[in-house]
Amino acid sequence: MSVLKILGDFGTVGLVIFLWWSDNKRMWAVLDQYKKDMNEQREMYKSNVSLCKDFATVTNDLRDIVTLNIQTMTECKDSINQNQFCPVIRISKKKAMRLVDEEAVEG
């Protein structure tokens, strides 16, 4: 529509109403886009929350694994320090213990 035709048919009031309507139409489009953007952002936040919850469960599982590894390594260290797996050392320890026992009985 031509602005002059609107002005001729409806006068100044018609032109003002048309300009107001076209401006509101543009504003509604902007608000609709803003609403879509906010909904998208809300969905992103929800996704991030679920991602954080999943990450928390992974970290808890990892903590349990690390704790189990520490316990196992401590047991390995104790076994190595006591050296109960090597038969040669076990036999020599038994001999040393017998000698100590014999000395205690004699002394």
PDB file of N, CA and C in Angstrom:
ATOM      1  N   MET A   1       0.830  -1.191   0.000  1.00  0.00           N
ATOM      2  CA  MET A   1       0.000   0.000   0.000  1.00  0.00           C
ATOM      3  C   MET A   1       0.869   1.246   0.000  1.00  0.00           C
ATOM      4  N   SER A   2       0.384   2.180  -0.689  1.00  0.00           N
ATOM      5  CA  SER A   2       1.102   3.445  -0.771  1.00  0.00           C
ATOM      6  C   SER A   2       0.693   4.332   0.396  1.00  0.00           C
ATOM      7  N   VAL A   3       1.656   5.049   0.899  1.00  0.00           N
ATOM      8  CA  VAL A   3       1.398   5.947   2.023  1.00  0.00           C
ATOM      9  C   VAL A   3       0.425   7.041   1.607  1.00  0.00           C
ATOM     10  N   LEU A   4       0.548   7.510   0.364  1.00  0.00           N
ATOM     11  CA  LEU A   4      -0.352   8.576  -0.112  1.00  0.00           C
ATOM     12  C   LEU A   4      -1.788   8.086  -0.237  1.00  0.00           C
ATOM     13  N   LYS A   5      -1.965   6.822  -0.671  1.00  0.00           N
ATOM     14  CA  LYS A   5      -3.322   6.272  -0.785  1.00  0.00           C
ATOM     15  C   LYS A   5      -3.964   6.163   0.593  1.00  0.00           C
ATOM     16  N   ILE A   6      -3.178   5.677   1.589  1.00  0.00           N
ATOM     17  CA  ILE A   6      -3.706   5.575   2.956  1.00  0.00           C
ATOM     18  C   ILE A   6      -4.047   6.957   3.473  1.00  0.00           C
ATOM     19  N   LEU A   7      -3.166   7.907   3.235  1.00  0.00           N
ATOM     20  CA  LEU A   7      -3.394   9.270   3.707  1.00  0.00           C
ATOM     21  C   LEU A   7      -4.626   9.864   3.043  1.00  0.00           C
ATOM     22  N   GLY A   8      -4.814   9.540   1.750  1.00  0.00           N
ATOM     23  CA  GLY A   8      -5.972  10.063   1.037  1.00  0.00           C
ATOM     24  C   GLY A   8      -7.263   9.425   1.497  1.00  0.00           C
ATOM     25  N   ASP A   9      -7.247   8.112   1.717  1.00  0.00           N
ATOM     26  CA  ASP A   9      -8.474   7.407   2.087  1.00  0.00           C
ATOM     27  C   ASP A   9      -8.847   7.603   3.557  1.00  0.00           C
ATOM     28  N   PHE A  10      -7.874   7.531   4.442  1.00  0.00           N
ATOM     29  CA  PHE A  10      -8.179   7.544   5.873  1.00  0.00           C
ATOM     30  C   PHE A  10      -7.720   8.803   6.591  1.00  0.00           C
ATOM     31  N   GLY A  11      -6.939   9.589   5.961  1.00  0.00           N
ATOM     32  CA  GLY A  11      -6.482  10.827   6.574  1.00  0.00           C
ATOM     33  C   GLY A  11      -5.281  10.587   7.486  1.00  0.00           C
ATOM     34  N   THR A  12      -4.985  11.579   8.244  1.00  0.00           N
ATOM     35  CA  THR A  12      -3.828  11.536   9.136  1.00  0.00           C
ATOM     36  C   THR A  12      -4.005  10.480  10.219  1.00  0.00           C
ATOM     37  N   VAL A  13      -5.224  10.331  10.706  1.00  0.00           N
ATOM     38  CA  VAL A  13      -5.485   9.336  11.747  1.00  0.00           C
ATOM     39  C   VAL A  13      -5.219   7.930  11.210  1.00  0.00           C
ATOM     40  N   GLY A  14      -5.622   7.660   9.997  1.00  0.00           N
ATOM     41  CA  GLY A  14      -5.379   6.357   9.375  1.00  0.00           C
ATOM     42  C   GLY A  14      -3.891   6.094   9.209  1.00  0.00           C
ATOM     43  N   LEU A  15      -3.142   7.128   8.822  1.00  0.00           N
ATOM     44  CA  LEU A  15      -1.698   6.982   8.675  1.00  0.00           C
ATOM     45  C   LEU A  15      -1.038   6.685  10.018  1.00  0.00           C
ATOM     46  N   VAL A  16      -1.463   7.378  11.061  1.00  0.00           N
ATOM     47  CA  VAL A  16      -0.905   7.144  12.398  1.00  0.00           C
ATOM     48  C   VAL A  16      -1.216   5.723  12.857  1.00  0.00           C
ATOM     49  N   ILE A  17      -2.445   5.286  12.633  1.00  0.00           N
ATOM     50  CA  ILE A  17      -2.824   3.927  13.035  1.00  0.00           C
ATOM     51  C   ILE A  17      -2.028   2.898  12.240  1.00  0.00           C
ATOM     52  N   PHE A  18      -1.853   3.133  10.938  1.00  0.00           N
ATOM     53  CA  PHE A  18      -1.070   2.207  10.116  1.00  0.00           C
ATOM     54  C   PHE A  18       0.380   2.149  10.586  1.00  0.00           C
ATOM     55  N   LEU A  19       0.989   3.274  10.867  1.00  0.00           N
ATOM     56  CA  LEU A  19       2.373   3.309  11.351  1.00  0.00           C
ATOM     57  C   LEU A  19       2.491   2.628  12.715  1.00  0.00           C
ATOM     58  N   TRP A  20       1.509   2.864  13.566  1.00  0.00           N
ATOM     59  CA  TRP A  20       1.512   2.215  14.886  1.00  0.00           C
ATOM     60  C   TRP A  20       1.412   0.700  14.727  1.00  0.00           C
ATOM     61  N   TRP A  21       0.499   0.260  13.829  1.00  0.00           N
ATOM     62  CA  TRP A  21       0.317  -1.175  13.596  1.00  0.00           C
ATOM     63  C   TRP A  21       1.579  -1.815  13.016  1.00  0.00           C
ATOM     64  N   SER A  22       2.210  -1.162  12.050  1.00  0.00           N
ATOM     65  CA  SER A  22       3.422  -1.738  11.447  1.00  0.00           C
ATOM     66  C   SER A  22       4.574  -1.774  12.459  1.00  0.00           C
ATOM     67  N   ASP A  23       4.649  -0.754  13.315  1.00  0.00           N
ATOM     68  CA  ASP A  23       5.686  -0.758  14.348  1.00  0.00           C
ATOM     69  C   ASP A  23       5.430  -1.874  15.357  1.00  0.00           C
ATOM     70  N   ASN A  24       4.169  -2.060  15.741  1.00  0.00           N
ATOM     71  CA  ASN A  24       3.833  -3.149  16.669  1.00  0.00           C
ATOM     72  C   ASN A  24       4.102  -4.511  16.043  1.00  0.00           C
ATOM     73  N   LYS A  25       3.840  -4.640  14.748  1.00  0.00           N
ATOM     74  CA  LYS A  25       4.108  -5.903  14.059  1.00  0.00           C
ATOM     75  C   LYS A  25       5.603  -6.220  14.115  1.00  0.00           C
ATOM     76  N   ARG A  26       6.433  -5.222  13.893  1.00  0.00           N
ATOM     77  CA  ARG A  26       7.883  -5.402  13.983  1.00  0.00           C
ATOM     78  C   ARG A  26       8.281  -5.751  15.417  1.00  0.00           C
ATOM     79  N   MET A  27       7.682  -5.076  16.388  1.00  0.00           N
ATOM     80  CA  MET A  27       7.994  -5.335  17.793  1.00  0.00           C
ATOM     81  C   MET A  27       7.574  -6.748  18.194  1.00  0.00           C
ATOM     82  N   TRP A  28       6.434  -7.222  17.686  1.00  0.00           N
ATOM     83  CA  TRP A  28       5.994  -8.586  17.984  1.00  0.00           C
ATOM     84  C   TRP A  28       6.982  -9.606  17.414  1.00  0.00           C
ATOM     85  N   ALA A  29       7.495  -9.321  16.229  1.00  0.00           N
ATOM     86  CA  ALA A  29       8.484 -10.228  15.635  1.00  0.00           C
ATOM     87  C   ALA A  29       9.750 -10.276  16.493  1.00  0.00           C
ATOM     88  N   VAL A  30      10.172  -9.111  16.981  1.00  0.00           N
ATOM     89  CA  VAL A  30      11.358  -9.055  17.841  1.00  0.00           C
ATOM     90  C   VAL A  30      11.095  -9.814  19.139  1.00  0.00           C
ATOM     91  N   LEU A  31       9.925  -9.612  19.733  1.00  0.00           N
ATOM     92  CA  LEU A  31       9.590 -10.300  20.981  1.00  0.00           C
ATOM     93  C   LEU A  31       9.470 -11.810  20.781  1.00  0.00           C
ATOM     94  N   ASP A  32       8.913 -12.228  19.641  1.00  0.00           N
ATOM     95  CA  ASP A  32       8.841 -13.667  19.354  1.00  0.00           C
ATOM     96  C   ASP A  32      10.236 -14.271  19.240  1.00  0.00           C
ATOM     97  N   GLN A  33      11.131 -13.555  18.555  1.00  0.00           N
ATOM     98  CA  GLN A  33      12.503 -14.048  18.440  1.00  0.00           C
ATOM     99  C   GLN A  33      13.171 -14.097  19.809  1.00  0.00           C
ATOM    100  N   TYR A  34      12.922 -13.083  20.632  1.00  0.00           N
ATOM    101  CA  TYR A  34      13.486 -13.052  21.986  1.00  0.00           C
ATOM    102  C   TYR A  34      12.964 -14.231  22.811  1.00  0.00           C
ATOM    103  N   LYS A  35      11.668 -14.508  22.676  1.00  0.00           N
ATOM    104  CA  LYS A  35      11.077 -15.633  23.398  1.00  0.00           C
ATOM    105  C   LYS A  35      11.706 -16.955  22.948  1.00  0.00           C
ATOM    106  N   LYS A  36      11.911 -17.131  21.656  1.00  0.00           N
ATOM    107  CA  LYS A  36      12.560 -18.345  21.149  1.00  0.00           C
ATOM    108  C   LYS A  36      13.982 -18.457  21.686  1.00  0.00           C
ATOM    109  N   ASP A  37      14.701 -17.339  21.693  1.00  0.00           N
ATOM    110  CA  ASP A  37      16.074 -17.347  22.209  1.00  0.00           C
ATOM    111  C   ASP A  37      16.108 -17.714  23.690  1.00  0.00           C
ATOM    112  N   MET A  38      15.189 -17.165  24.462  1.00  0.00           N
ATOM    113  CA  MET A  38      15.151 -17.468  25.894  1.00  0.00           C
ATOM    114  C   MET A  38      14.784 -18.933  26.139  1.00  0.00           C
ATOM    115  N   ASN A  39      13.862 -19.476  25.344  1.00  0.00           N
ATOM    116  CA  ASN A  39      13.522 -20.898  25.477  1.00  0.00           C
ATOM    117  C   ASN A  39      14.719 -21.777  25.135  1.00  0.00           C
ATOM    118  N   GLU A  40      15.458 -21.381  24.103  1.00  0.00           N
ATOM    119  CA  GLU A  40      16.660 -22.131  23.740  1.00  0.00           C
ATOM    120  C   GLU A  40      17.699 -22.056  24.854  1.00  0.00           C
ATOM    121  N   GLN A  41      17.855 -20.873  25.433  1.00  0.00           N
ATOM    122  CA  GLN A  41      18.812 -20.717  26.531  1.00  0.00           C
ATOM    123  C   GLN A  41      18.380 -21.539  27.746  1.00  0.00           C
ATOM    124  N   ARG A  42      17.091 -21.580  28.028  1.00  0.00           N
ATOM    125  CA  ARG A  42      16.574 -22.380  29.139  1.00  0.00           C
ATOM    126  C   ARG A  42      16.887 -23.860  28.914  1.00  0.00           C
ATOM    127  N   GLU A  43      16.704 -24.334  27.692  1.00  0.00           N
ATOM    128  CA  GLU A  43      17.018 -25.728  27.376  1.00  0.00           C
ATOM    129  C   GLU A  43      18.511 -26.003  27.530  1.00  0.00           C
ATOM    130  N   MET A  44      19.332 -25.029  27.157  1.00  0.00           N
ATOM    131  CA  MET A  44      20.775 -25.201  27.330  1.00  0.00           C
ATOM    132  C   MET A  44      21.123 -25.311  28.810  1.00  0.00           C
ATOM    133  N   TYR A  45      20.493 -24.494  29.652  1.00  0.00           N
ATOM    134  CA  TYR A  45      20.739 -24.583  31.094  1.00  0.00           C
ATOM    135  C   TYR A  45      20.305 -25.941  31.639  1.00  0.00           C
ATOM    136  N   LYS A  46      19.158 -26.437  31.184  1.00  0.00           N
ATOM    137  CA  LYS A  46      18.701 -27.753  31.631  1.00  0.00           C
ATOM    138  C   LYS A  46      19.686 -28.840  31.208  1.00  0.00           C
ATOM    139  N   SER A  47      20.190 -28.728  29.987  1.00  0.00           N
ATOM    140  CA  SER A  47      21.183 -29.698  29.513  1.00  0.00           C
ATOM    141  C   SER A  47      22.450 -29.619  30.347  1.00  0.00           C
ATOM    142  N   ASN A  48      22.859 -28.407  30.695  1.00  0.00           N
ATOM    143  CA  ASN A  48      24.059 -28.242  31.515  1.00  0.00           C
ATOM    144  C   ASN A  48      23.869 -28.831  32.907  1.00  0.00           C
ATOM    145  N   VAL A  49      22.680 -28.690  33.456  1.00  0.00           N
ATOM    146  CA  VAL A  49      22.404 -29.261  34.779  1.00  0.00           C
ATOM    147  C   VAL A  49      22.509 -30.781  34.725  1.00  0.00           C
ATOM    148  N   SER A  50      21.909 -31.379  33.708  1.00  0.00           N
ATOM    149  CA  SER A  50      21.996 -32.841  33.603  1.00  0.00           C
ATOM    150  C   SER A  50      23.435 -33.274  33.334  1.00  0.00           C
ATOM    151  N   LEU A  51      24.176 -32.482  32.572  1.00  0.00           N
ATOM    152  CA  LEU A  51      25.581 -32.792  32.327  1.00  0.00           C
ATOM    153  C   LEU A  51      26.388 -32.727  33.621  1.00  0.00           C
ATOM    154  N   CYS A  52      26.100 -31.729  34.455  1.00  0.00           N
ATOM    155  CA  CYS A  52      26.798 -31.612  35.746  1.00  0.00           C
ATOM    156  C   CYS A  52      26.469 -32.787  36.659  1.00  0.00           C
ATOM    157  N   LYS A  53      25.216 -33.211  36.662  1.00  0.00           N
ATOM    158  CA  LYS A  53      24.838 -34.368  37.479  1.00  0.00           C
ATOM    159  C   LYS A  53      25.563 -35.624  36.999  1.00  0.00           C
ATOM    160  N   ASP A  54      25.622 -35.806  35.679  1.00  0.00           N
ATOM    161  CA  ASP A  54      26.341 -36.958  35.137  1.00  0.00           C
ATOM    162  C   ASP A  54      27.821 -36.882  35.490  1.00  0.00           C
ATOM    163  N   PHE A  55      28.387 -35.691  35.421  1.00  0.00           N
ATOM    164  CA  PHE A  55      29.797 -35.516  35.757  1.00  0.00           C
ATOM    165  C   PHE A  55      30.040 -35.827  37.231  1.00  0.00           C
ATOM    166  N   ALA A  56      29.088 -35.463  38.081  1.00  0.00           N
ATOM    167  CA  ALA A  56      29.229 -35.751  39.515  1.00  0.00           C
ATOM    168  C   ALA A  56      29.244 -37.258  39.764  1.00  0.00           C
ATOM    169  N   THR A  57      28.405 -38.008  39.064  1.00  0.00           N
ATOM    170  CA  THR A  57      28.417 -39.461  39.246  1.00  0.00           C
ATOM    171  C   THR A  57      29.724 -40.062  38.735  1.00  0.00           C
ATOM    172  N   VAL A  58      30.240 -39.513  37.636  1.00  0.00           N
ATOM    173  CA  VAL A  58      31.518 -40.006  37.113  1.00  0.00           C
ATOM    174  C   VAL A  58      32.639 -39.734  38.109  1.00  0.00           C
ATOM    175  N   THR A  59      32.641 -38.547  38.708  1.00  0.00           N
ATOM    176  CA  THR A  59      33.694 -38.230  39.679  1.00  0.00           C
ATOM    177  C   THR A  59      33.575 -39.103  40.924  1.00  0.00           C
ATOM    178  N   ASN A  60      32.360 -39.408  41.344  1.00  0.00           N
ATOM    179  CA  ASN A  60      32.192 -40.314  42.490  1.00  0.00           C
ATOM    180  C   ASN A  60      32.734 -41.701  42.162  1.00  0.00           C
ATOM    181  N   ASP A  61      32.425 -42.188  40.958  1.00  0.00           N
ATOM    182  CA  ASP A  61      32.952 -43.490  40.548  1.00  0.00           C
ATOM    183  C   ASP A  61      34.473 -43.460  40.479  1.00  0.00           C
ATOM    184  N   LEU A  62      35.013 -42.379  39.948  1.00  0.00           N
ATOM    185  CA  LEU A  62      36.468 -42.256  39.851  1.00  0.00           C
ATOM    186  C   LEU A  62      37.103 -42.222  41.239  1.00  0.00           C
ATOM    187  N   ARG A  63      36.463 -41.521  42.169  1.00  0.00           N
ATOM    188  CA  ARG A  63      36.974 -41.480  43.543  1.00  0.00           C
ATOM    189  C   ARG A  63      37.003 -42.882  44.147  1.00  0.00           C
ATOM    190  N   ASP A  64      35.949 -43.662  43.908  1.00  0.00           N
ATOM    191  CA  ASP A  64      35.914 -45.037  44.417  1.00  0.00           C
ATOM    192  C   ASP A  64      37.029 -45.883  43.806  1.00  0.00           C
ATOM    193  N   ILE A  65      37.263 -45.698  42.520  1.00  0.00           N
ATOM    194  CA  ILE A  65      38.327 -46.455  41.850  1.00  0.00           C
ATOM    195  C   ILE A  65      39.690 -46.073  42.413  1.00  0.00           C
ATOM    196  N   VAL A  66      39.910 -44.779  42.608  1.00  0.00           N
ATOM    197  CA  VAL A  66      41.194 -44.325  43.155  1.00  0.00           C
ATOM    198  C   VAL A  66      41.390 -44.866  44.568  1.00  0.00           C
ATOM    199  N   THR A  67      40.338 -44.843  45.372  1.00  0.00           N
ATOM    200  CA  THR A  67      40.425 -45.376  46.735  1.00  0.00           C
ATOM    201  C   THR A  67      40.759 -46.866  46.716  1.00  0.00           C
ATOM    202  N   LEU A  68      40.099 -47.604  45.844  1.00  0.00           N
ATOM    203  CA  LEU A  68      40.377 -49.036  45.722  1.00  0.00           C
ATOM    204  C   LEU A  68      41.818 -49.279  45.268  1.00  0.00           C
ATOM    205  N   ASN A  69      42.292 -48.470  44.329  1.00  0.00           N
ATOM    206  CA  ASN A  69      43.682 -48.615  43.875  1.00  0.00           C
ATOM    207  C   ASN A  69      44.666 -48.312  44.996  1.00  0.00           C
ATOM    208  N   ILE A  70      44.366 -47.316  45.804  1.00  0.00           N
ATOM    209  CA  ILE A  70      45.251 -46.984  46.928  1.00  0.00           C
ATOM    210  C   ILE A  70      45.295 -48.142  47.921  1.00  0.00           C
ATOM    211  N   GLN A  71      44.136 -48.718  48.218  1.00  0.00           N
ATOM    212  CA  GLN A  71      44.102 -49.859  49.135  1.00  0.00           C
ATOM    213  C   GLN A  71      44.898 -51.034  48.577  1.00  0.00           C
ATOM    214  N   THR A  72      44.715 -51.302  47.293  1.00  0.00           N
ATOM    215  CA  THR A  72      45.430 -52.418  46.672  1.00  0.00           C
ATOM    216  C   THR A  72      46.934 -52.169  46.662  1.00  0.00           C
ATOM    217  N   MET A  73      47.336 -50.953  46.335  1.00  0.00           N
ATOM    218  CA  MET A  73      48.769 -50.642  46.324  1.00  0.00           C
ATOM    219  C   MET A  73      49.353 -50.707  47.735  1.00  0.00           C
ATOM    220  N   THR A  74      48.581 -50.321  48.736  1.00  0.00           N
ATOM    221  CA  THR A  74      49.043 -50.436  50.125  1.00  0.00           C
ATOM    222  C   THR A  74      49.245 -51.899  50.497  1.00  0.00           C
ATOM    223  N   GLU A  75      48.305 -52.752  50.094  1.00  0.00           N
ATOM    224  CA  GLU A  75      48.455 -54.187  50.349  1.00  0.00           C
ATOM    225  C   GLU A  75      49.681 -54.738  49.629  1.00  0.00           C
ATOM    226  N   CYS A  76      49.898 -54.293  48.394  1.00  0.00           N
ATOM    227  CA  CYS A  76      51.086 -54.744  47.650  1.00  0.00           C
ATOM    228  C   CYS A  76      52.358 -54.291  48.350  1.00  0.00           C
ATOM    229  N   LYS A  77      52.371 -53.058  48.819  1.00  0.00           N
ATOM    230  CA  LYS A  77      53.547 -52.532  49.520  1.00  0.00           C
ATOM    231  C   LYS A  77      53.816 -53.343  50.784  1.00  0.00           C
ATOM    232  N   ASP A  78      52.758 -53.610  51.540  1.00  0.00           N
ATOM    233  CA  ASP A  78      52.926 -54.412  52.759  1.00  0.00           C
ATOM    234  C   ASP A  78      53.437 -55.812  52.431  1.00  0.00           C
ATOM    235  N   SER A  79      52.894 -56.410  51.379  1.00  0.00           N
ATOM    236  CA  SER A  79      53.339 -57.750  50.988  1.00  0.00           C
ATOM    237  C   SER A  79      54.794 -57.724  50.542  1.00  0.00           C
ATOM    238  N   ILE A  80      55.174 -56.688  49.817  1.00  0.00           N
ATOM    239  CA  ILE A  80      56.566 -56.581  49.377  1.00  0.00           C
ATOM    240  C   ILE A  80      57.476 -56.381  50.577  1.00  0.00           C
ATOM    241  N   ASN A  81      57.056 -55.516  51.497  1.00  0.00           N
ATOM    242  CA  ASN A  81      57.877 -55.279  52.686  1.00  0.00           C
ATOM    243  C   ASN A  81      58.017 -56.540  53.533  1.00  0.00           C
ATOM    244  N   GLN A  82      56.962 -57.306  53.640  1.00  0.00           N
ATOM    245  CA  GLN A  82      57.022 -58.548  54.412  1.00  0.00           C
ATOM    246  C   GLN A  82      57.613 -59.682  53.586  1.00  0.00           C
ATOM    247  N   ASN A  83      57.563 -59.525  52.266  1.00  0.00           N
ATOM    248  CA  ASN A  83      58.140 -60.475  51.321  1.00  0.00           C
ATOM    249  C   ASN A  83      57.705 -61.909  51.607  1.00  0.00           C
ATOM    250  N   GLN A  84      56.424 -62.143  51.707  1.00  0.00           N
ATOM    251  CA  GLN A  84      55.897 -63.476  51.992  1.00  0.00           C
ATOM    252  C   GLN A  84      55.730 -64.319  50.732  1.00  0.00           C
ATOM    253  N   PHE A  85      55.965 -63.730  49.566  1.00  0.00           N
ATOM    254  CA  PHE A  85      55.744 -64.474  48.332  1.00  0.00           C
ATOM    255  C   PHE A  85      57.003 -65.183  47.840  1.00  0.00           C
ATOM    256  N   CYS A  86      58.149 -64.767  48.306  1.00  0.00           N
ATOM    257  CA  CYS A  86      59.405 -65.381  47.876  1.00  0.00           C
ATOM    258  C   CYS A  86      59.758 -66.521  48.828  1.00  0.00           C
ATOM    259  N   PRO A  87      59.816 -67.762  48.345  1.00  0.00           N
ATOM    260  CA  PRO A  87      60.093 -68.892  49.242  1.00  0.00           C
ATOM    261  C   PRO A  87      61.481 -68.824  49.873  1.00  0.00           C
ATOM    262  N   VAL A  88      62.453 -68.287  49.162  1.00  0.00           N
ATOM    263  CA  VAL A  88      63.813 -68.207  49.708  1.00  0.00           C
ATOM    264  C   VAL A  88      63.828 -67.310  50.937  1.00  0.00           C
ATOM    265  N   ILE A  89      63.192 -66.171  50.844  1.00  0.00           N
ATOM    266  CA  ILE A  89      63.153 -65.241  51.975  1.00  0.00           C
ATOM    267  C   ILE A  89      62.331 -65.829  53.112  1.00  0.00           C
ATOM    268  N   ARG A  90      61.237 -66.505  52.771  1.00  0.00           N
ATOM    269  CA  ARG A  90      60.388 -67.107  53.795  1.00  0.00           C
ATOM    270  C   ARG A  90      61.169 -68.144  54.591  1.00  0.00           C
ATOM    271  N   ILE A  91      61.938 -68.965  53.891  1.00  0.00           N
ATOM    272  CA  ILE A  91      62.731 -70.002  54.571  1.00  0.00           C
ATOM    273  C   ILE A  91      63.806 -69.361  55.436  1.00  0.00           C
ATOM    274  N   SER A  92      64.481 -68.345  54.891  1.00  0.00           N
ATOM    275  CA  SER A  92      65.540 -67.702  55.690  1.00  0.00           C
ATOM    276  C   SER A  92      64.954 -67.000  56.911  1.00  0.00           C
ATOM    277  N   LYS A  93      63.752 -66.446  56.791  1.00  0.00           N
ATOM    278  CA  LYS A  93      63.112 -65.822  57.954  1.00  0.00           C
ATOM    279  C   LYS A  93      62.768 -66.872  59.004  1.00  0.00           C
ATOM    280  N   LYS A  94      62.295 -68.039  58.553  1.00  0.00           N
ATOM    281  CA  LYS A  94      61.965 -69.107  59.508  1.00  0.00           C
ATOM    282  C   LYS A  94      63.225 -69.583  60.230  1.00  0.00           C
ATOM    283  N   LYS A  95      64.338 -69.699  59.474  1.00  0.00           N
ATOM    284  CA  LYS A  95      65.598 -70.108  60.104  1.00  0.00           C
ATOM    285  C   LYS A  95      66.042 -69.072  61.122  1.00  0.00           C
ATOM    286  N   ALA A  96      65.925 -67.811  60.770  1.00  0.00           N
ATOM    287  CA  ALA A  96      66.326 -66.749  61.690  1.00  0.00           C
ATOM    288  C   ALA A  96      65.445 -66.767  62.926  1.00  0.00           C
ATOM    289  N   MET A  97      64.155 -67.034  62.754  1.00  0.00           N
ATOM    290  CA  MET A  97      63.254 -67.085  63.902  1.00  0.00           C
ATOM    291  C   MET A  97      63.584 -68.284  64.791  1.00  0.00           C
ATOM    292  N   ARG A  98      63.958 -69.424  64.173  1.00  0.00           N
ATOM    293  CA  ARG A  98      64.341 -70.598  64.971  1.00  0.00           C
ATOM    294  C   ARG A  98      65.602 -70.316  65.775  1.00  0.00           C
ATOM    295  N   LEU A  99      66.552 -69.637  65.134  1.00  0.00           N
ATOM    296  CA  LEU A  99      67.788 -69.304  65.839  1.00  0.00           C
ATOM    297  C   LEU A  99      67.506 -68.390  67.022  1.00  0.00           C
ATOM    298  N   VAL A 100      66.629 -67.442  66.834  1.00  0.00           N
ATOM    299  CA  VAL A 100      66.274 -66.533  67.929  1.00  0.00           C
ATOM    300  C   VAL A 100      65.574 -67.306  69.028  1.00  0.00           C
ATOM    301  N   ASP A 101      64.680 -68.224  68.657  1.00  0.00           N
ATOM    302  CA  ASP A 101      63.977 -69.035  69.653  1.00  0.00           C
ATOM    303  C   ASP A 101      64.955 -69.932  70.417  1.00  0.00           C
ATOM    304  N   GLU A 102      65.920 -70.531  69.697  1.00  0.00           N
ATOM    305  CA  GLU A 102      66.899 -71.412  70.346  1.00  0.00           C
ATOM    306  C   GLU A 102      67.785 -70.620  71.307  1.00  0.00           C
ATOM    307  N   GLU A 103      68.169 -69.430  70.897  1.00  0.00           N
ATOM    308  CA  GLU A 103      68.994 -68.594  71.773  1.00  0.00           C
ATOM    309  C   GLU A 103      68.215 -68.178  73.015  1.00  0.00           C
ATOM    310  N   ALA A 104      66.929 -67.946  72.843  1.00  0.00           N
ATOM    311  CA  ALA A 104      66.108 -67.554  73.981  1.00  0.00           C
ATOM    312  C   ALA A 104      65.962 -68.715  74.956  1.00  0.00           C
ATOM    313  N   VAL A 105      65.854 -69.927  74.431  1.00  0.00           N
ATOM    314  CA  VAL A 105      65.714 -71.102  75.285  1.00  0.00           C
ATOM    315  C   VAL A 105      67.033 -71.378  76.006  1.00  0.00           C
ATOM    316  N   GLU A 106      68.149 -71.250  75.308  1.00  0.00           N
ATOM    317  CA  GLU A 106      69.455 -71.514  75.909  1.00  0.00           C
ATOM    318  C   GLU A 106      69.846 -70.423  76.897  1.00  0.00           C
ATOM    319  N   GLY A 107      69.498 -69.214  76.593  1.00  0.00           N
ATOM    320  CA  GLY A 107      69.977 -68.086  77.380  1.00  0.00           C
ATOM    321  C   GLY A 107      69.150 -67.783  78.525  1.00  0.00           C
TER     322      GLY A 107
END
